């Protein structure tokens, strides 16, 4: 990472991983402070040579509009040999390699810093879903991640574990006894980032919020689905209608028999 041309300039030990919209610190420093009157520091994009920020003649200067008001030195730290760049509001165009070049009258040196954007987006379908008692229901959870997914856990609003996926495996034994045997993922869909949950034989006590929490080594995100309207299922309604019809028929038959006997 560090080039030696007289002045030893130190930078980050590895890639700098950041989410879009966040800020990132790009380290660049020397162990021995340099006199400000002979110091020049340039931060540039290595791929395009675009000038990001310049310290020259004792002051900070920004040139390119794409970095204007987003790129800053820690001015009070420059005299101590710290030339780190603070870049705010990371955009999709920002990932790449940046070079910090330090020049004095007698020597120079540089180092590089690589910005990579990490992404974790967790989304559900409808905010609320409904099901009849005894029916199955699907709670949606879709994951878009640039990193390997380490864990997905479905929980209730009482923090009860419904079902867990961890290190590439579904863990049925992780389920609380209330949900054991009733909760399942769609195994063939997991590699597509689909961690939707099928909840079987819905019960009255299932009503409420269900949260799909997703974790990578760097990030965490979640989505929430409300299970509501736990009314009678279609089957129950049909049975009830049949019972009412049967009762009406029985009543009609009874009335008919009474009238016939009187006649």
C-alpha atoms as a PDB file:
ATOM      1  CA  UNK A   1       0.000   0.000   0.000  1.00  0.00           C
ATOM      2  CA  UNK A   2       2.851   2.414   0.806  1.00  0.00           C
ATOM      3  CA  UNK A   3       5.430   3.661  -1.686  1.00  0.00           C
ATOM      4  CA  UNK A   4       8.787   4.766  -0.346  1.00  0.00           C
ATOM      5  CA  UNK A   5      10.416   7.719  -2.104  1.00  0.00           C
ATOM      6  CA  UNK A   6      12.174   9.270   0.843  1.00  0.00           C
ATOM      7  CA  UNK A   7       9.137  10.040   2.996  1.00  0.00           C
ATOM      8  CA  UNK A   8       7.364   7.165   4.741  1.00  0.00           C
ATOM      9  CA  UNK A   9       3.633   7.752   4.391  1.00  0.00           C
ATOM     10  CA  UNK A  10       1.285   5.309   6.127  1.00  0.00           C
ATOM     11  CA  UNK A  11      -2.284   4.448   5.222  1.00  0.00           C
ATOM     12  CA  UNK A  12      -5.026   1.927   6.011  1.00  0.00           C
ATOM     13  CA  UNK A  13      -4.259  -1.748   6.592  1.00  0.00           C
ATOM     14  CA  UNK A  14      -7.023  -2.923   4.250  1.00  0.00           C
ATOM     15  CA  UNK A  15     -10.096  -1.900   2.236  1.00  0.00           C
ATOM     16  CA  UNK A  16     -12.444   0.639   3.811  1.00  0.00           C
ATOM     17  CA  UNK A  17     -15.967  -0.773   3.714  1.00  0.00           C
ATOM     18  CA  UNK A  18     -18.858   1.663   3.929  1.00  0.00           C
ATOM     19  CA  UNK A  19     -22.561   1.932   3.089  1.00  0.00           C
ATOM     20  CA  UNK A  20     -23.981   4.424   0.613  1.00  0.00           C
ATOM     21  CA  UNK A  21     -24.841   7.695   2.350  1.00  0.00           C
ATOM     22  CA  UNK A  22     -22.378   7.116   5.190  1.00  0.00           C
ATOM     23  CA  UNK A  23     -19.029   8.800   5.840  1.00  0.00           C
ATOM     24  CA  UNK A  24     -15.561   7.259   5.727  1.00  0.00           C
ATOM     25  CA  UNK A  25     -12.104   8.172   7.034  1.00  0.00           C
ATOM     26  CA  UNK A  26      -9.183   7.532   4.669  1.00  0.00           C
ATOM     27  CA  UNK A  27      -6.019   7.370   6.834  1.00  0.00           C
ATOM     28  CA  UNK A  28      -2.819   9.065   5.663  1.00  0.00           C
ATOM     29  CA  UNK A  29      -0.073  10.121   8.056  1.00  0.00           C
ATOM     30  CA  UNK A  30       3.661  10.415   8.705  1.00  0.00           C
ATOM     31  CA  UNK A  31       5.345   9.573  11.981  1.00  0.00           C
ATOM     32  CA  UNK A  32       7.496  12.716  11.936  1.00  0.00           C
ATOM     33  CA  UNK A  33       5.612  16.016  11.477  1.00  0.00           C
ATOM     34  CA  UNK A  34       6.545  18.118   8.464  1.00  0.00           C
ATOM     35  CA  UNK A  35       6.915  21.956   8.535  1.00  0.00           C
ATOM     36  CA  UNK A  36       3.684  23.454   7.163  1.00  0.00           C
ATOM     37  CA  UNK A  37       5.444  26.115   5.101  1.00  0.00           C
ATOM     38  CA  UNK A  38       6.996  23.483   2.809  1.00  0.00           C
ATOM     39  CA  UNK A  39       4.148  20.949   2.876  1.00  0.00           C
ATOM     40  CA  UNK A  40       1.860  19.935   0.024  1.00  0.00           C
ATOM     41  CA  UNK A  41      -0.692  17.101   0.321  1.00  0.00           C
ATOM     42  CA  UNK A  42      -2.786  15.832  -2.568  1.00  0.00           C
ATOM     43  CA  UNK A  43      -5.648  13.360  -2.448  1.00  0.00           C
ATOM     44  CA  UNK A  44      -6.572  12.036  -5.898  1.00  0.00           C
ATOM     45  CA  UNK A  45      -8.634   9.242  -7.432  1.00  0.00           C
ATOM     46  CA  UNK A  46      -6.053   6.740  -8.699  1.00  0.00           C
ATOM     47  CA  UNK A  47      -8.160   5.664 -11.676  1.00  0.00           C
ATOM     48  CA  UNK A  48      -9.016   9.093 -13.072  1.00  0.00           C
ATOM     49  CA  UNK A  49      -6.429  11.322 -11.391  1.00  0.00           C
ATOM     50  CA  UNK A  50      -9.338  13.503 -10.276  1.00  0.00           C
ATOM     51  CA  UNK A  51      -8.169  15.885  -7.564  1.00  0.00           C
ATOM     52  CA  UNK A  52     -10.252  15.303  -4.451  1.00  0.00           C
ATOM     53  CA  UNK A  53      -8.562  17.666  -1.989  1.00  0.00           C
ATOM     54  CA  UNK A  54      -5.370  19.683  -1.767  1.00  0.00           C
ATOM     55  CA  UNK A  55      -3.428  21.219   1.104  1.00  0.00           C
ATOM     56  CA  UNK A  56      -1.054  23.874  -0.223  1.00  0.00           C
ATOM     57  CA  UNK A  57       0.429  27.121   1.057  1.00  0.00           C
ATOM     58  CA  UNK A  58      -1.038  26.411   4.475  1.00  0.00           C
ATOM     59  CA  UNK A  59      -4.657  26.041   3.395  1.00  0.00           C
ATOM     60  CA  UNK A  60      -7.176  23.448   2.207  1.00  0.00           C
ATOM     61  CA  UNK A  61      -8.450  23.608  -1.363  1.00  0.00           C
ATOM     62  CA  UNK A  62     -11.168  21.567  -3.038  1.00  0.00           C
ATOM     63  CA  UNK A  63     -11.404  21.560  -6.795  1.00  0.00           C
ATOM     64  CA  UNK A  64     -13.864  19.049  -8.258  1.00  0.00           C
ATOM     65  CA  UNK A  65     -17.599  19.681  -7.861  1.00  0.00           C
ATOM     66  CA  UNK A  66     -18.301  15.980  -7.168  1.00  0.00           C
ATOM     67  CA  UNK A  67     -16.333  16.236  -3.903  1.00  0.00           C
ATOM     68  CA  UNK A  68     -17.087  19.852  -2.999  1.00  0.00           C
ATOM     69  CA  UNK A  69     -18.299  20.199   0.602  1.00  0.00           C
ATOM     70  CA  UNK A  70     -17.865  16.430   1.076  1.00  0.00           C
ATOM     71  CA  UNK A  71     -14.077  16.063   1.387  1.00  0.00           C
ATOM     72  CA  UNK A  72     -12.177  17.528   4.340  1.00  0.00           C
ATOM     73  CA  UNK A  73      -8.873  17.383   6.156  1.00  0.00           C
ATOM     74  CA  UNK A  74      -8.653  17.546   9.940  1.00  0.00           C
ATOM     75  CA  UNK A  75      -6.973  20.936   9.725  1.00  0.00           C
ATOM     76  CA  UNK A  76      -5.788  21.029  13.328  1.00  0.00           C
ATOM     77  CA  UNK A  77      -4.122  17.610  12.849  1.00  0.00           C
ATOM     78  CA  UNK A  78      -2.053  18.469   9.754  1.00  0.00           C
ATOM     79  CA  UNK A  79       0.750  20.022  11.793  1.00  0.00           C
ATOM     80  CA  UNK A  80       0.999  16.707  13.666  1.00  0.00           C
ATOM     81  CA  UNK A  81       1.531  14.748  10.448  1.00  0.00           C
ATOM     82  CA  UNK A  82      -2.071  13.553  10.037  1.00  0.00           C
ATOM     83  CA  UNK A  83      -3.299  14.107   6.466  1.00  0.00           C
ATOM     84  CA  UNK A  84      -6.307  11.781   6.637  1.00  0.00           C
ATOM     85  CA  UNK A  85      -9.280  12.535   4.400  1.00  0.00           C
ATOM     86  CA  UNK A  86     -12.844  12.564   5.735  1.00  0.00           C
ATOM     87  CA  UNK A  87     -15.339  11.897   2.929  1.00  0.00           C
ATOM     88  CA  UNK A  88     -19.045  12.303   3.688  1.00  0.00           C
ATOM     89  CA  UNK A  89     -22.279  11.137   2.008  1.00  0.00           C
ATOM     90  CA  UNK A  90     -20.751   8.279   0.006  1.00  0.00           C
ATOM     91  CA  UNK A  91     -22.292   7.986  -3.478  1.00  0.00           C
ATOM     92  CA  UNK A  92     -22.323   5.056  -5.954  1.00  0.00           C
ATOM     93  CA  UNK A  93     -19.536   6.825  -7.880  1.00  0.00           C
ATOM     94  CA  UNK A  94     -17.150   7.002  -4.891  1.00  0.00           C
ATOM     95  CA  UNK A  95     -15.859   3.394  -4.562  1.00  0.00           C
ATOM     96  CA  UNK A  96     -12.309   2.963  -5.857  1.00  0.00           C
ATOM     97  CA  UNK A  97      -8.693   3.656  -4.966  1.00  0.00           C
ATOM     98  CA  UNK A  98      -7.556   7.022  -3.620  1.00  0.00           C
ATOM     99  CA  UNK A  99      -3.923   8.144  -3.407  1.00  0.00           C
ATOM    100  CA  UNK A 100      -2.547  10.449  -0.741  1.00  0.00           C
ATOM    101  CA  UNK A 101       0.675  12.123  -1.944  1.00  0.00           C
ATOM    102  CA  UNK A 102       2.801  14.107   0.495  1.00  0.00           C
ATOM    103  CA  UNK A 103       5.516  16.468  -0.747  1.00  0.00           C
ATOM    104  CA  UNK A 104       8.090  18.627   0.988  1.00  0.00           C
ATOM    105  CA  UNK A 105      11.024  20.561  -0.484  1.00  0.00           C
ATOM    106  CA  UNK A 106      13.349  17.582  -0.077  1.00  0.00           C
ATOM    107  CA  UNK A 107      11.266  14.408  -0.092  1.00  0.00           C
ATOM    108  CA  UNK A 108       7.939  12.894  -0.977  1.00  0.00           C
ATOM    109  CA  UNK A 109       5.891   9.739  -0.468  1.00  0.00           C
ATOM    110  CA  UNK A 110       2.417   8.368  -0.932  1.00  0.00           C
ATOM    111  CA  UNK A 111      -0.073   5.734   0.168  1.00  0.00           C
ATOM    112  CA  UNK A 112      -3.385   4.461  -1.149  1.00  0.00           C
ATOM    113  CA  UNK A 113      -6.792   3.710   0.330  1.00  0.00           C
ATOM    114  CA  UNK A 114      -9.483   1.559  -1.267  1.00  0.00           C
ATOM    115  CA  UNK A 115     -13.159   2.382  -0.654  1.00  0.00           C
ATOM    116  CA  UNK A 116     -15.626  -0.454  -1.223  1.00  0.00           C
ATOM    117  CA  UNK A 117     -19.361  -0.093  -0.697  1.00  0.00           C
ATOM    118  CA  UNK A 118     -21.194  -2.787   1.249  1.00  0.00           C
ATOM    119  CA  UNK A 119     -24.923  -3.265   0.887  1.00  0.00           C
ATOM    120  CA  UNK A 120     -27.617  -4.880   2.999  1.00  0.00           C
ATOM    121  CA  UNK A 121     -31.242  -4.235   2.084  1.00  0.00           C
ATOM    122  CA  UNK A 122     -34.020  -6.204   3.785  1.00  0.00           C
ATOM    123  CA  UNK A 123     -37.554  -5.774   2.485  1.00  0.00           C
ATOM    124  CA  UNK A 124     -40.924  -7.361   3.105  1.00  0.00           C
ATOM    125  CA  UNK A 125     -44.055  -7.491   1.014  1.00  0.00           C
ATOM    126  CA  UNK A 126     -47.247  -6.025   2.390  1.00  0.00           C
ATOM    127  CA  UNK A 127     -46.898  -4.281   5.756  1.00  0.00           C
ATOM    128  CA  UNK A 128     -49.773  -6.417   7.062  1.00  0.00           C
ATOM    129  CA  UNK A 129     -51.092  -9.829   6.076  1.00  0.00           C
ATOM    130  CA  UNK A 130     -54.172 -11.670   7.225  1.00  0.00           C
ATOM    131  CA  UNK A 131     -55.135 -15.317   7.561  1.00  0.00           C
ATOM    132  CA  UNK A 132     -57.971 -17.377   8.907  1.00  0.00           C
ATOM    133  CA  UNK A 133     -57.520 -19.544  11.956  1.00  0.00           C
ATOM    134  CA  UNK A 134     -56.049 -22.892  10.981  1.00  0.00           C
ATOM    135  CA  UNK A 135     -54.766 -21.624   7.626  1.00  0.00           C
ATOM    136  CA  UNK A 136     -51.154 -21.251   6.472  1.00  0.00           C
ATOM    137  CA  UNK A 137     -49.698 -17.788   5.853  1.00  0.00           C
ATOM    138  CA  UNK A 138     -46.502 -16.525   4.179  1.00  0.00           C
ATOM    139  CA  UNK A 139     -44.551 -13.660   5.792  1.00  0.00           C
ATOM    140  CA  UNK A 140     -42.249 -12.082   3.183  1.00  0.00           C
ATOM    141  CA  UNK A 141     -38.566 -11.266   3.728  1.00  0.00           C
ATOM    142  CA  UNK A 142     -36.227 -10.553   0.809  1.00  0.00           C
ATOM    143  CA  UNK A 143     -32.496  -9.879   1.313  1.00  0.00           C
ATOM    144  CA  UNK A 144     -30.115  -8.049  -1.037  1.00  0.00           C
ATOM    145  CA  UNK A 145     -26.568  -8.161   0.342  1.00  0.00           C
ATOM    146  CA  UNK A 146     -23.059  -7.615  -1.008  1.00  0.00           C
ATOM    147  CA  UNK A 147     -21.707  -9.637   1.927  1.00  0.00           C
ATOM    148  CA  UNK A 148     -22.254 -13.238   2.952  1.00  0.00           C
ATOM    149  CA  UNK A 149     -25.361 -13.594   5.109  1.00  0.00           C
ATOM    150  CA  UNK A 150     -24.365 -14.999   8.485  1.00  0.00           C
ATOM    151  CA  UNK A 151     -27.745 -15.135  10.212  1.00  0.00           C
ATOM    152  CA  UNK A 152     -31.450 -14.607   9.585  1.00  0.00           C
ATOM    153  CA  UNK A 153     -33.843 -14.866  12.492  1.00  0.00           C
ATOM    154  CA  UNK A 154     -37.619 -14.445  12.554  1.00  0.00           C
ATOM    155  CA  UNK A 155     -38.903 -13.160  15.903  1.00  0.00           C
ATOM    156  CA  UNK A 156     -42.198 -12.046  17.388  1.00  0.00           C
ATOM    157  CA  UNK A 157     -42.753  -8.647  18.986  1.00  0.00           C
ATOM    158  CA  UNK A 158     -42.164 -10.424  22.335  1.00  0.00           C
ATOM    159  CA  UNK A 159     -38.660 -11.402  21.097  1.00  0.00           C
ATOM    160  CA  UNK A 160     -39.653 -15.066  20.799  1.00  0.00           C
ATOM    161  CA  UNK A 161     -37.680 -16.931  18.108  1.00  0.00           C
ATOM    162  CA  UNK A 162     -39.917 -18.335  15.391  1.00  0.00           C
ATOM    163  CA  UNK A 163     -37.146 -19.760  13.164  1.00  0.00           C
ATOM    164  CA  UNK A 164     -33.430 -19.197  12.636  1.00  0.00           C
ATOM    165  CA  UNK A 165     -30.955 -19.581   9.765  1.00  0.00           C
ATOM    166  CA  UNK A 166     -27.283 -19.460  10.719  1.00  0.00           C
ATOM    167  CA  UNK A 167     -23.994 -20.189   8.928  1.00  0.00           C
ATOM    168  CA  UNK A 168     -25.741 -21.740   5.949  1.00  0.00           C
ATOM    169  CA  UNK A 169     -28.165 -23.954   7.864  1.00  0.00           C
ATOM    170  CA  UNK A 170     -31.798 -23.755   8.937  1.00  0.00           C
ATOM    171  CA  UNK A 171     -32.076 -24.520  12.669  1.00  0.00           C
ATOM    172  CA  UNK A 172     -35.561 -25.964  13.371  1.00  0.00           C
ATOM    173  CA  UNK A 173     -34.607 -26.605  17.011  1.00  0.00           C
ATOM    174  CA  UNK A 174     -34.144 -22.843  17.470  1.00  0.00           C
ATOM    175  CA  UNK A 175     -37.916 -22.357  17.268  1.00  0.00           C
ATOM    176  CA  UNK A 176     -39.856 -21.651  20.454  1.00  0.00           C
ATOM    177  CA  UNK A 177     -42.174 -24.539  21.325  1.00  0.00           C
ATOM    178  CA  UNK A 178     -45.137 -22.423  20.231  1.00  0.00           C
ATOM    179  CA  UNK A 179     -43.814 -22.431  16.651  1.00  0.00           C
ATOM    180  CA  UNK A 180     -41.901 -25.718  16.496  1.00  0.00           C
ATOM    181  CA  UNK A 181     -43.111 -27.728  13.529  1.00  0.00           C
ATOM    182  CA  UNK A 182     -45.237 -24.820  12.249  1.00  0.00           C
ATOM    183  CA  UNK A 183     -42.540 -22.509  10.848  1.00  0.00           C
ATOM    184  CA  UNK A 184     -40.422 -23.164   7.781  1.00  0.00           C
ATOM    185  CA  UNK A 185     -38.323 -21.401   5.149  1.00  0.00           C
ATOM    186  CA  UNK A 186     -38.413 -22.199   1.433  1.00  0.00           C
ATOM    187  CA  UNK A 187     -35.025 -23.999   1.097  1.00  0.00           C
ATOM    188  CA  UNK A 188     -34.871 -23.738  -2.710  1.00  0.00           C
ATOM    189  CA  UNK A 189     -35.298 -19.943  -2.477  1.00  0.00           C
ATOM    190  CA  UNK A 190     -32.670 -19.152   0.159  1.00  0.00           C
ATOM    191  CA  UNK A 191     -29.800 -18.827  -2.335  1.00  0.00           C
ATOM    192  CA  UNK A 192     -31.838 -16.110  -4.082  1.00  0.00           C
ATOM    193  CA  UNK A 193     -32.049 -14.119  -0.849  1.00  0.00           C
ATOM    194  CA  UNK A 194     -35.642 -15.173  -0.172  1.00  0.00           C
ATOM    195  CA  UNK A 195     -36.049 -15.786   3.563  1.00  0.00           C
ATOM    196  CA  UNK A 196     -39.843 -15.662   3.598  1.00  0.00           C
ATOM    197  CA  UNK A 197     -41.465 -17.670   6.355  1.00  0.00           C
ATOM    198  CA  UNK A 198     -44.377 -20.072   6.019  1.00  0.00           C
ATOM    199  CA  UNK A 199     -46.366 -20.200   9.257  1.00  0.00           C
ATOM    200  CA  UNK A 200     -48.711 -23.172   9.293  1.00  0.00           C
ATOM    201  CA  UNK A 201     -52.026 -23.642  11.080  1.00  0.00           C
ATOM    202  CA  UNK A 202     -52.340 -20.056  12.300  1.00  0.00           C
ATOM    203  CA  UNK A 203     -53.567 -19.676  15.893  1.00  0.00           C
ATOM    204  CA  UNK A 204     -55.182 -16.776  17.742  1.00  0.00           C
ATOM    205  CA  UNK A 205     -51.987 -16.127  19.739  1.00  0.00           C
ATOM    206  CA  UNK A 206     -49.997 -15.652  16.502  1.00  0.00           C
ATOM    207  CA  UNK A 207     -51.549 -12.224  15.915  1.00  0.00           C
ATOM    208  CA  UNK A 208     -49.003  -9.389  16.053  1.00  0.00           C
ATOM    209  CA  UNK A 209     -45.690  -8.215  14.577  1.00  0.00           C
ATOM    210  CA  UNK A 210     -43.121 -10.619  13.147  1.00  0.00           C
ATOM    211  CA  UNK A 211     -39.611  -9.300  12.509  1.00  0.00           C
ATOM    212  CA  UNK A 212     -37.097 -10.704  10.008  1.00  0.00           C
ATOM    213  CA  UNK A 213     -33.610  -9.736  11.268  1.00  0.00           C
ATOM    214  CA  UNK A 214     -30.601 -10.187   8.965  1.00  0.00           C
ATOM    215  CA  UNK A 215     -26.933 -10.044   9.981  1.00  0.00           C
ATOM    216  CA  UNK A 216     -23.671 -10.043   8.024  1.00  0.00           C
ATOM    217  CA  UNK A 217     -20.206  -9.655   9.534  1.00  0.00           C
ATOM    218  CA  UNK A 218     -20.496  -5.871   9.118  1.00  0.00           C
ATOM    219  CA  UNK A 219     -24.164  -4.925   8.921  1.00  0.00           C
ATOM    220  CA  UNK A 220     -27.600  -5.646  10.325  1.00  0.00           C
ATOM    221  CA  UNK A 221     -31.053  -4.793   8.960  1.00  0.00           C
ATOM    222  CA  UNK A 222     -34.636  -5.937   9.388  1.00  0.00           C
ATOM    223  CA  UNK A 223     -38.203  -5.756   8.138  1.00  0.00           C
ATOM    224  CA  UNK A 224     -41.470  -6.209  10.037  1.00  0.00           C
ATOM    225  CA  UNK A 225     -44.730  -7.848   8.975  1.00  0.00           C
ATOM    226  CA  UNK A 226     -47.987  -7.554  10.925  1.00  0.00           C
ATOM    227  CA  UNK A 227     -50.167 -10.645  11.084  1.00  0.00           C
ATOM    228  CA  UNK A 228     -53.720  -9.496  11.666  1.00  0.00           C
ATOM    229  CA  UNK A 229     -57.402 -10.340  11.106  1.00  0.00           C
ATOM    230  CA  UNK A 230     -57.249 -13.862  12.461  1.00  0.00           C
ATOM    231  CA  UNK A 231     -60.872 -14.521  11.616  1.00  0.00           C
ATOM    232  CA  UNK A 232     -62.583 -17.709  10.572  1.00  0.00           C
ATOM    233  CA  UNK A 233     -61.043 -19.496   7.626  1.00  0.00           C
ATOM    234  CA  UNK A 234     -63.022 -20.136   4.459  1.00  0.00           C
ATOM    235  CA  UNK A 235     -63.452 -23.755   5.513  1.00  0.00           C
ATOM    236  CA  UNK A 236     -64.822 -22.677   8.877  1.00  0.00           C
ATOM    237  CA  UNK A 237     -67.189 -20.235   7.191  1.00  0.00           C
ATOM    238  CA  UNK A 238     -68.461 -22.944   4.817  1.00  0.00           C
ATOM    239  CA  UNK A 239     -69.011 -25.353   7.712  1.00  0.00           C
ATOM    240  CA  UNK A 240     -70.861 -22.631   9.610  1.00  0.00           C
ATOM    241  CA  UNK A 241     -73.043 -21.879   6.574  1.00  0.00           C
ATOM    242  CA  UNK A 242     -73.809 -25.585   6.156  1.00  0.00           C
ATOM    243  CA  UNK A 243     -74.746 -25.798   9.827  1.00  0.00           C
ATOM    244  CA  UNK A 244     -77.081 -22.799   9.480  1.00  0.00           C
ATOM    245  CA  UNK A 245     -78.639 -24.254   6.315  1.00  0.00           C
ATOM    246  CA  UNK A 246     -79.066 -27.625   8.030  1.00  0.00           C
ATOM    247  CA  UNK A 247     -80.656 -25.935  11.061  1.00  0.00           C
ATOM    248  CA  UNK A 248     -83.032 -23.960   8.798  1.00  0.00           C
ATOM    249  CA  UNK A 249     -83.963 -27.109   6.889  1.00  0.00           C
ATOM    250  CA  UNK A 250     -84.569 -28.963  10.137  1.00  0.00           C
ATOM    251  CA  UNK A 251     -86.711 -26.091  11.408  1.00  0.00           C
ATOM    252  CA  UNK A 252     -88.661 -25.961   8.137  1.00  0.00           C
ATOM    253  CA  UNK A 253     -89.178 -29.720   8.185  1.00  0.00           C
ATOM    254  CA  UNK A 254     -90.322 -29.581  11.794  1.00  0.00           C
ATOM    255  CA  UNK A 255     -92.806 -26.792  11.000  1.00  0.00           C
ATOM    256  CA  UNK A 256     -94.079 -28.713   7.974  1.00  0.00           C
ATOM    257  CA  UNK A 257     -94.600 -31.844  10.075  1.00  0.00           C
ATOM    258  CA  UNK A 258     -96.474 -29.884  12.750  1.00  0.00           C
ATOM    259  CA  UNK A 259     -98.764 -28.310  10.161  1.00  0.00           C
ATOM    260  CA  UNK A 260     -99.376 -31.693   8.525  1.00  0.00           C
ATOM    261  CA  UNK A 261    -100.273 -33.297  11.860  1.00  0.00           C
ATOM    262  CA  UNK A 262    -102.735 -30.492  12.650  1.00  0.00           C
ATOM    263  CA  UNK A 263    -104.291 -30.865   9.251  1.00  0.00           C
END
